[in-house]
Amino acid sequence: MMVPKITNPKDVTMKKYKILLFVLLIIPVMCFSQKKAKDSIVEKPARPAFESATLIDNASNVLFNKNTLEVIMQHRFGLIEEENSLAGIYGANSNIRIALSYAILDWVTVGYGITKKNRMSDFNLKVGLLNQTRSGSMPVSMSYYGNIAIDGRSFDVKYPNGDYIPPDADNGPFLKKQDRYSYFHQLIIAKRFNSKLSLQIAPSLSHFNAVNTGDENDRFSVACGGRYKVSSQTALICDVSMPITQLNDNKYNITGFSFGAEFSTSAHTFQIFITNFNGILPQQNYMKNTNDFLNGGTLIGFNITRNYNF
């Protein structure tokens, strides 16, 4: 005959306490493990909004991978309406800029360029501040672009007959070395909406150390640009640059309009367009442009870039 085992109530209570203690200990561990798994998921950046680091007359938000060298050639023909110039191709007032930029980090690019107009040399910097993510946790990309340009023209202070030339900020002579300097700062906010459409808005500040009497040294402006892909290698592009600060000389209070097409491969980008900007350097376009797009001031331009990875 079997005798039933009598369970001690204290043992039952102790067993319950052990189970409860185990549960209380395991819950924080499970929560920590889940949190660590979530934190370990790295946000992937969205594909670049634009193919080139330049969008017609303004910089785009694009920065290339570290140790990428970009070779840039930008050309602006003379005015289309200029007589006997084959739509400005033979125009006397054509302009050209040749430049190099190098990505010292994935998010920092430095560059140098030379421009025919006013023999300008420019040193520029682009820094990535924010990256748009594929999940949408960061909805836009943001970059800073800035440059310092030096007017390289040489002037004689006197005419050959000895007459004195009064200082002129546009045509010289420069009385001090600092009079040759100009600066440009721009914040570029871009968004890739889908595989076809990308837009950007870019407020900017242009500054010239030397201006004529009564003129402003600074001008605030804003540019709006876009790109719409029509095929794997072809896109329609536009860029509108609007001055905010109104200068005393009304001939400089002109909005820039640019429309064209872009053809790109993995390492090349070719942009051809119609614009009313001839200066190429942004501060020159924003503060010195007198070509009115709606009044015969249009010209043909193109940008060519080639990337080399090291």
Protein backbone atom coordinates (compact mmCIF):
# COMPACT_ATOMS: atom_id res chain seq x y z
CA MET A 1 0.00 0.00 0.00
CA MET A 2 1.41 3.31 -1.14
CA VAL A 3 1.46 6.21 1.24
CA PRO A 4 0.70 9.57 -0.45
CA LYS A 5 3.52 12.08 -0.34
CA ILE A 6 2.72 15.11 1.71
CA THR A 7 3.97 18.37 0.17
CA ASN A 8 5.30 20.96 2.51
CA PRO A 9 3.49 24.29 1.94
CA LYS A 10 6.76 26.13 2.46
CA ASP A 11 8.34 24.23 -0.44
CA VAL A 12 5.42 25.21 -2.74
CA THR A 13 5.77 28.85 -1.79
CA MET A 14 9.53 28.78 -2.35
CA LYS A 15 9.05 27.23 -5.78
CA LYS A 16 6.65 29.98 -6.78
CA TYR A 17 9.13 32.61 -5.62
CA LYS A 18 11.86 31.02 -7.72
CA ILE A 19 9.65 31.05 -10.84
CA LEU A 20 8.68 34.69 -10.25
CA LEU A 21 12.32 35.68 -9.72
CA PHE A 22 13.32 33.90 -12.92
CA VAL A 23 10.62 35.76 -14.92
CA LEU A 24 11.65 39.11 -13.43
CA LEU A 25 15.26 38.46 -14.39
CA ILE A 26 14.60 37.23 -17.92
CA ILE A 27 12.27 40.08 -18.99
CA PRO A 28 14.98 42.84 -18.85
CA VAL A 29 17.39 40.56 -20.72
CA MET A 30 14.82 39.97 -23.48
CA CYS A 31 14.02 43.68 -23.72
CA PHE A 32 17.72 44.57 -23.90
CA SER A 33 18.30 41.98 -26.61
CA GLN A 34 15.43 43.35 -28.71
CA LYS A 35 16.64 46.93 -28.25
CA LYS A 36 20.17 45.94 -29.23
CA ALA A 37 18.88 44.19 -32.35
CA LYS A 38 16.94 47.31 -33.35
CA ASP A 39 19.90 49.58 -32.69
CA SER A 40 22.16 47.37 -34.79
CA ILE A 41 20.05 48.06 -37.91
CA VAL A 42 21.96 50.72 -39.88
CA GLU A 43 19.87 53.26 -41.79
CA LYS A 44 20.70 53.02 -45.51
CA PRO A 45 21.10 56.34 -47.34
CA ALA A 46 18.84 56.98 -50.31
CA ARG A 47 20.36 57.02 -53.77
CA PRO A 48 21.79 60.45 -54.73
CA ALA A 49 19.18 62.95 -55.85
CA PHE A 50 21.36 64.07 -58.79
CA GLU A 51 24.01 62.50 -61.00
CA SER A 52 26.45 65.41 -61.05
CA ALA A 53 27.88 67.70 -58.37
CA THR A 54 26.66 70.61 -60.53
CA LEU A 55 23.10 71.42 -61.58
CA ILE A 56 23.54 73.86 -64.51
CA ASP A 57 24.50 77.12 -62.72
CA ASN A 58 24.48 75.97 -59.09
CA ALA A 59 26.08 73.20 -57.08
CA SER A 60 23.94 70.15 -56.31
CA ASN A 61 23.99 68.29 -53.00
CA VAL A 62 26.02 65.42 -54.48
CA LEU A 63 29.30 64.36 -52.86
CA PHE A 64 31.36 61.50 -54.23
CA ASN A 65 33.12 58.68 -52.39
CA LYS A 66 36.46 59.32 -50.74
CA ASN A 67 39.42 59.59 -53.17
CA THR A 68 37.21 60.50 -56.15
CA LEU A 69 38.66 63.11 -58.51
CA GLU A 70 36.14 65.08 -60.58
CA VAL A 71 37.31 66.94 -63.70
CA ILE A 72 34.94 69.74 -64.72
CA MET A 73 34.64 71.83 -67.89
CA GLN A 74 31.92 74.49 -68.13
CA HIS A 75 31.34 76.62 -71.22
CA ARG A 76 28.99 79.51 -72.00
CA PHE A 77 28.70 80.79 -75.57
CA GLY A 78 27.84 84.35 -76.55
CA LEU A 79 24.27 85.63 -76.73
CA ILE A 80 22.09 83.78 -79.23
CA GLU A 81 20.83 87.04 -80.76
CA GLU A 82 24.36 88.31 -81.48
CA GLU A 83 24.69 88.94 -85.21
CA ASN A 84 26.82 86.66 -87.39
CA SER A 85 27.74 84.45 -84.42
CA LEU A 86 25.94 81.16 -85.25
CA ALA A 87 23.58 81.39 -82.25
CA GLY A 88 26.39 82.72 -80.09
CA ILE A 89 28.86 79.90 -80.80
CA TYR A 90 31.26 82.42 -82.40
CA GLY A 91 30.34 85.09 -79.85
CA ALA A 92 33.09 87.33 -78.50
CA ASN A 93 31.71 87.21 -74.95
CA SER A 94 31.96 83.46 -74.46
CA ASN A 95 33.18 82.18 -71.11
CA ILE A 96 34.83 78.96 -69.92
CA ARG A 97 35.82 77.40 -66.59
CA ILE A 98 38.06 74.39 -66.01
CA ALA A 99 38.20 72.89 -62.52
CA LEU A 100 39.17 69.91 -60.39
CA SER A 101 37.56 68.69 -57.18
CA TYR A 102 38.76 65.92 -54.89
CA ALA A 103 36.86 64.03 -52.19
CA ILE A 104 39.21 63.91 -49.19
CA LEU A 105 36.43 62.21 -47.20
CA ASP A 106 33.07 60.72 -48.13
CA TRP A 107 31.46 63.93 -46.90
CA VAL A 108 34.11 66.58 -47.72
CA THR A 109 35.23 67.74 -51.16
CA VAL A 110 37.73 70.50 -51.99
CA GLY A 111 38.33 72.05 -55.40
CA TYR A 112 40.08 74.64 -57.53
CA GLY A 113 39.02 76.25 -60.81
CA ILE A 114 40.01 78.96 -63.29
CA THR A 115 37.54 81.05 -65.28
CA LYS A 116 38.20 83.06 -68.43
CA LYS A 117 36.00 86.01 -67.44
CA ASN A 118 38.01 88.40 -65.24
CA ARG A 119 40.76 85.72 -65.03
CA MET A 120 39.08 84.38 -61.89
CA SER A 121 40.65 81.69 -59.70
CA ASP A 122 38.38 80.01 -57.16
CA PHE A 123 38.94 77.69 -54.22
CA ASN A 124 35.83 75.81 -53.15
CA LEU A 125 34.57 73.48 -50.43
CA LYS A 126 31.54 71.20 -50.20
CA VAL A 127 30.50 69.45 -46.98
CA GLY A 128 27.72 66.91 -46.51
CA LEU A 129 25.57 67.71 -43.47
CA LEU A 130 22.59 65.35 -43.73
CA ASN A 131 21.76 62.28 -45.83
CA GLN A 132 18.28 61.32 -46.94
CA THR A 133 17.49 57.76 -45.81
CA ARG A 134 15.55 55.06 -47.62
CA SER A 135 13.25 54.56 -44.64
CA GLY A 136 12.30 58.25 -44.62
CA SER A 137 13.58 58.83 -41.09
CA MET A 138 15.64 61.66 -42.65
CA PRO A 139 13.47 63.08 -45.47
CA VAL A 140 16.07 65.33 -47.16
CA SER A 141 19.77 65.67 -47.85
CA MET A 142 21.67 68.83 -46.95
CA SER A 143 25.08 70.08 -48.08
CA TYR A 144 27.10 73.26 -47.70
CA TYR A 145 28.95 74.76 -50.67
CA GLY A 146 31.26 77.76 -50.47
CA ASN A 147 34.07 79.39 -52.40
CA ILE A 148 36.53 82.24 -52.41
CA ALA A 149 37.37 83.76 -55.80
CA ILE A 150 40.22 86.07 -56.78
CA ASP A 151 40.02 88.46 -59.74
CA GLY A 152 43.27 87.96 -61.64
CA ARG A 153 43.12 90.90 -64.05
CA SER A 154 46.08 93.26 -64.19
CA PHE A 155 45.52 97.01 -64.57
CA ASP A 156 47.63 100.07 -65.13
CA VAL A 157 46.57 102.83 -62.80
CA LYS A 158 47.17 105.41 -65.55
CA TYR A 159 46.43 105.64 -69.25
CA PRO A 160 49.44 105.78 -71.58
CA ASN A 161 49.11 109.58 -71.71
CA GLY A 162 49.32 109.75 -67.92
CA ASP A 163 45.65 110.41 -67.14
CA TYR A 164 44.46 108.88 -63.88
CA ILE A 165 41.96 106.00 -64.03
CA PRO A 166 39.35 106.26 -61.24
CA PRO A 167 38.71 103.01 -59.34
CA ASP A 168 35.88 100.89 -60.74
CA ALA A 169 34.78 97.71 -58.99
CA ASP A 170 33.76 96.10 -62.28
CA ASN A 171 36.61 97.23 -64.51
CA GLY A 172 39.47 98.09 -62.12
CA PRO A 173 42.00 99.13 -61.16
CA PHE A 174 41.99 97.59 -57.68
CA LEU A 175 43.53 99.83 -55.03
CA LYS A 176 44.13 96.98 -52.54
CA LYS A 177 44.73 93.27 -52.87
CA GLN A 178 41.57 92.56 -50.87
CA ASP A 179 39.51 94.38 -53.51
CA ARG A 180 40.00 91.38 -55.78
CA TYR A 181 38.27 88.92 -53.43
CA SER A 182 34.69 87.70 -53.58
CA TYR A 183 32.92 84.98 -51.59
CA PHE A 184 29.95 82.67 -51.91
CA HIS A 185 28.06 80.56 -49.35
CA GLN A 186 25.17 78.23 -50.14
CA LEU A 187 23.07 75.70 -48.22
CA ILE A 188 21.68 73.01 -50.52
CA ILE A 189 18.57 71.08 -49.44
CA ALA A 190 17.64 68.26 -51.82
CA LYS A 191 15.11 65.43 -51.94
CA ARG A 192 14.84 62.39 -54.17
CA PHE A 193 11.08 61.83 -54.41
CA ASN A 194 11.28 58.69 -56.52
CA SER A 195 13.43 57.08 -59.23
CA LYS A 196 12.53 59.86 -61.67
CA LEU A 197 12.03 63.13 -59.80
CA SER A 198 14.51 65.05 -57.65
CA LEU A 199 14.27 68.67 -56.46
CA GLN A 200 16.47 71.04 -54.49
CA ILE A 201 16.28 74.50 -52.95
CA ALA A 202 19.44 76.45 -52.17
CA PRO A 203 19.54 79.79 -50.30
CA SER A 204 22.82 81.65 -50.75
CA LEU A 205 24.89 84.70 -49.84
CA SER A 206 27.22 86.41 -52.33
CA HIS A 207 29.82 88.97 -51.23
CA PHE A 208 32.25 91.24 -53.10
CA ASN A 209 34.86 93.14 -51.11
CA ALA A 210 34.89 96.01 -53.62
CA VAL A 211 31.74 97.53 -55.13
CA ASN A 212 30.98 100.86 -56.73
CA THR A 213 29.75 103.74 -54.62
CA GLY A 214 26.14 103.21 -53.53
CA ASP A 215 26.13 99.48 -54.35
CA GLU A 216 25.65 96.65 -51.86
CA ASN A 217 28.53 94.32 -50.96
CA ASP A 218 26.18 91.42 -50.20
CA ARG A 219 23.23 89.75 -51.86
CA PHE A 220 20.93 87.05 -50.53
CA SER A 221 19.42 84.80 -53.20
CA VAL A 222 17.64 81.47 -53.52
CA ALA A 223 17.86 78.86 -56.26
CA CYS A 224 15.32 76.16 -57.08
CA GLY A 225 16.33 73.28 -59.32
CA GLY A 226 15.03 69.94 -60.48
CA ARG A 227 15.76 66.83 -62.49
CA TYR A 228 13.27 64.47 -64.14
CA LYS A 229 14.58 61.22 -65.56
CA VAL A 230 13.10 60.21 -68.91
CA SER A 231 15.34 57.18 -69.49
CA SER A 232 18.15 55.33 -67.75
CA GLN A 233 20.76 57.84 -68.98
CA THR A 234 18.75 60.94 -69.93
CA ALA A 235 17.02 63.56 -67.79
CA LEU A 236 15.43 66.97 -68.15
CA ILE A 237 16.92 69.60 -65.84
CA CYS A 238 16.07 73.14 -64.77
CA ASP A 239 17.49 75.78 -62.46
CA VAL A 240 15.92 79.11 -61.41
CA SER A 241 18.06 81.58 -59.42
CA MET A 242 16.17 84.45 -57.81
CA PRO A 243 17.77 87.47 -56.08
CA ILE A 244 16.21 88.44 -52.75
CA THR A 245 18.29 91.51 -51.92
CA GLN A 246 17.49 94.25 -54.43
CA LEU A 247 20.54 96.24 -55.54
CA ASN A 248 20.40 99.97 -56.20
CA ASP A 249 21.41 99.44 -59.83
CA ASN A 250 18.27 97.83 -61.23
CA LYS A 251 20.08 96.27 -64.21
CA TYR A 252 21.48 93.64 -61.80
CA ASN A 253 18.09 92.66 -60.31
CA ILE A 254 17.47 89.87 -62.79
CA THR A 255 16.34 86.29 -62.18
CA GLY A 256 18.34 83.52 -63.82
CA PHE A 257 16.48 80.88 -65.80
CA SER A 258 18.14 77.72 -67.14
CA PHE A 259 16.55 74.72 -68.88
CA GLY A 260 18.18 71.77 -70.59
CA ALA A 261 18.98 68.07 -70.71
CA GLU A 262 21.47 65.82 -68.97
CA PHE A 263 23.13 62.68 -70.33
CA SER A 264 25.02 60.52 -67.86
CA THR A 265 26.99 57.30 -67.55
CA SER A 266 28.71 55.76 -64.54
CA ALA A 267 31.62 58.21 -64.79
CA HIS A 268 30.52 60.99 -67.19
CA THR A 269 27.84 63.66 -67.07
CA PHE A 270 27.03 66.03 -69.92
CA GLN A 271 24.54 68.88 -69.47
CA ILE A 272 23.46 71.16 -72.32
CA PHE A 273 21.03 74.02 -71.72
CA ILE A 274 19.76 77.51 -72.46
CA THR A 275 20.44 80.11 -69.78
CA ASN A 276 20.88 83.84 -69.24
CA PHE A 277 23.87 83.42 -66.91
CA ASN A 278 27.32 83.96 -68.43
CA GLY A 279 29.53 84.31 -65.34
CA ILE A 280 29.71 80.59 -64.37
CA LEU A 281 30.95 81.43 -60.84
CA PRO A 282 27.81 81.77 -58.72
CA GLN A 283 28.64 85.13 -57.08
CA GLN A 284 29.39 86.56 -60.53
CA ASN A 285 26.01 85.34 -61.80
CA TYR A 286 24.03 86.54 -58.80
CA MET A 287 25.58 90.01 -58.49
CA LYS A 288 26.91 90.96 -61.93
CA ASN A 289 24.50 89.44 -64.46
CA THR A 290 22.69 91.85 -66.81
CA ASN A 291 21.25 89.35 -69.32
CA ASP A 292 17.45 89.25 -69.21
CA PHE A 293 16.10 85.83 -70.23
CA LEU A 294 12.82 87.34 -71.41
CA ASN A 295 14.45 90.17 -73.33
CA GLY A 296 17.00 88.65 -75.70
CA GLY A 297 19.56 87.75 -73.05
CA THR A 298 19.76 83.99 -73.64
CA LEU A 299 22.79 81.87 -74.49
CA ILE A 300 23.72 78.22 -74.90
CA GLY A 301 25.90 76.52 -72.32
CA PHE A 302 27.17 73.10 -71.38
CA ASN A 303 28.86 71.33 -68.45
CA ILE A 304 31.01 68.20 -68.78
CA THR A 305 32.26 66.21 -65.79
CA ARG A 306 34.40 63.07 -65.57
CA ASN A 307 35.08 61.11 -62.37
CA TYR A 308 38.17 59.08 -61.55
CA ASN A 309 38.27 56.76 -58.52
CA PHE A 310 41.56 56.11 -56.74
